[in-house]
C-alpha atoms as a PDB file:
ATOM      1  CA  UNK A   1       6.109 -47.277 -27.944  1.00  0.00           C
ATOM      2  CA  UNK A   2       6.899 -49.054 -24.759  1.00  0.00           C
ATOM      3  CA  UNK A   3       4.053 -50.700 -22.917  1.00  0.00           C
ATOM      4  CA  UNK A   4       3.951 -50.490 -19.116  1.00  0.00           C
ATOM      5  CA  UNK A   5       3.711 -53.710 -17.227  1.00  0.00           C
ATOM      6  CA  UNK A   6       0.284 -54.106 -15.675  1.00  0.00           C
ATOM      7  CA  UNK A   7       0.235 -54.151 -11.902  1.00  0.00           C
ATOM      8  CA  UNK A   8      -2.970 -56.083 -11.603  1.00  0.00           C
ATOM      9  CA  UNK A   9      -6.664 -55.578 -11.997  1.00  0.00           C
ATOM     10  CA  UNK A  10      -9.628 -54.939  -9.757  1.00  0.00           C
ATOM     11  CA  UNK A  11     -11.428 -58.219  -9.250  1.00  0.00           C
ATOM     12  CA  UNK A  12     -14.309 -57.028  -7.093  1.00  0.00           C
ATOM     13  CA  UNK A  13     -15.601 -53.878  -5.406  1.00  0.00           C
ATOM     14  CA  UNK A  14     -17.181 -54.428  -2.014  1.00  0.00           C
ATOM     15  CA  UNK A  15     -19.255 -51.592  -0.597  1.00  0.00           C
ATOM     16  CA  UNK A  16     -19.431 -51.216   3.150  1.00  0.00           C
ATOM     17  CA  UNK A  17     -17.310 -50.418   6.158  1.00  0.00           C
ATOM     18  CA  UNK A  18     -13.601 -50.930   5.998  1.00  0.00           C
ATOM     19  CA  UNK A  19     -12.769 -52.989   9.102  1.00  0.00           C
ATOM     20  CA  UNK A  20      -9.282 -51.453   9.194  1.00  0.00           C
ATOM     21  CA  UNK A  21     -10.539 -47.893   9.533  1.00  0.00           C
ATOM     22  CA  UNK A  22     -12.275 -46.072  12.334  1.00  0.00           C
ATOM     23  CA  UNK A  23     -16.044 -45.749  12.139  1.00  0.00           C
ATOM     24  CA  UNK A  24     -16.146 -42.547  14.195  1.00  0.00           C
ATOM     25  CA  UNK A  25     -17.459 -40.631  11.169  1.00  0.00           C
ATOM     26  CA  UNK A  26     -20.657 -42.654  10.981  1.00  0.00           C
ATOM     27  CA  UNK A  27     -21.126 -42.593  14.755  1.00  0.00           C
ATOM     28  CA  UNK A  28     -20.639 -38.845  14.866  1.00  0.00           C
ATOM     29  CA  UNK A  29     -23.145 -38.271  12.068  1.00  0.00           C
ATOM     30  CA  UNK A  30     -25.827 -40.297  13.859  1.00  0.00           C
ATOM     31  CA  UNK A  31     -25.086 -38.456  17.102  1.00  0.00           C
ATOM     32  CA  UNK A  32     -25.406 -35.032  15.485  1.00  0.00           C
ATOM     33  CA  UNK A  33     -28.691 -35.865  13.722  1.00  0.00           C
ATOM     34  CA  UNK A  34     -30.102 -37.370  16.928  1.00  0.00           C
ATOM     35  CA  UNK A  35     -29.090 -34.363  19.019  1.00  0.00           C
ATOM     36  CA  UNK A  36     -30.682 -32.014  16.482  1.00  0.00           C
ATOM     37  CA  UNK A  37     -33.908 -34.023  16.440  1.00  0.00           C
ATOM     38  CA  UNK A  38     -34.100 -34.130  20.241  1.00  0.00           C
ATOM     39  CA  UNK A  39     -33.527 -30.372  20.450  1.00  0.00           C
ATOM     40  CA  UNK A  40     -36.341 -29.681  17.990  1.00  0.00           C
ATOM     41  CA  UNK A  41     -38.732 -32.068  19.769  1.00  0.00           C
ATOM     42  CA  UNK A  42     -37.999 -30.569  23.204  1.00  0.00           C
ATOM     43  CA  UNK A  43     -38.547 -27.036  21.914  1.00  0.00           C
ATOM     44  CA  UNK A  44     -41.839 -28.003  20.253  1.00  0.00           C
ATOM     45  CA  UNK A  45     -43.010 -29.651  23.476  1.00  0.00           C
ATOM     46  CA  UNK A  46     -42.055 -26.538  25.424  1.00  0.00           C
ATOM     47  CA  UNK A  47     -44.088 -24.289  23.120  1.00  0.00           C
ATOM     48  CA  UNK A  48     -47.043 -26.686  23.278  1.00  0.00           C
ATOM     49  CA  UNK A  49     -47.038 -26.848  27.081  1.00  0.00           C
ATOM     50  CA  UNK A  50     -46.740 -23.054  27.377  1.00  0.00           C
ATOM     51  CA  UNK A  51     -49.710 -22.535  25.035  1.00  0.00           C
ATOM     52  CA  UNK A  52     -51.737 -25.173  26.881  1.00  0.00           C
ATOM     53  CA  UNK A  53     -51.011 -23.561  30.275  1.00  0.00           C
ATOM     54  CA  UNK A  54     -51.838 -20.091  28.943  1.00  0.00           C
ATOM     55  CA  UNK A  55     -55.191 -21.379  27.667  1.00  0.00           C
ATOM     56  CA  UNK A  56     -55.949 -23.037  31.023  1.00  0.00           C
ATOM     57  CA  UNK A  57     -55.184 -19.799  32.872  1.00  0.00           C
ATOM     58  CA  UNK A  58     -57.506 -17.836  30.565  1.00  0.00           C
ATOM     59  CA  UNK A  59     -60.314 -20.348  31.081  1.00  0.00           C
ATOM     60  CA  UNK A  60     -59.777 -20.395  34.853  1.00  0.00           C
ATOM     61  CA  UNK A  61     -59.887 -16.574  35.000  1.00  0.00           C
ATOM     62  CA  UNK A  62     -63.051 -16.387  32.899  1.00  0.00           C
ATOM     63  CA  UNK A  63     -64.816 -19.003  35.048  1.00  0.00           C
ATOM     64  CA  UNK A  64     -64.247 -17.049  38.284  1.00  0.00           C
END
């Protein structure tokens, strides 16, 4: 059996961002999650304000 010559070995694994690659993937992920959160918050505020205004109109009509 012939043994292949070793090319080298892994000395260390460093987790993190590769400075030679683009970080658009991480930026895009943050943007999408933020946009989703803002959309949900705005819609919840809209529903809350509509319910609050409807209640005020009922109370104003009953007081007259």
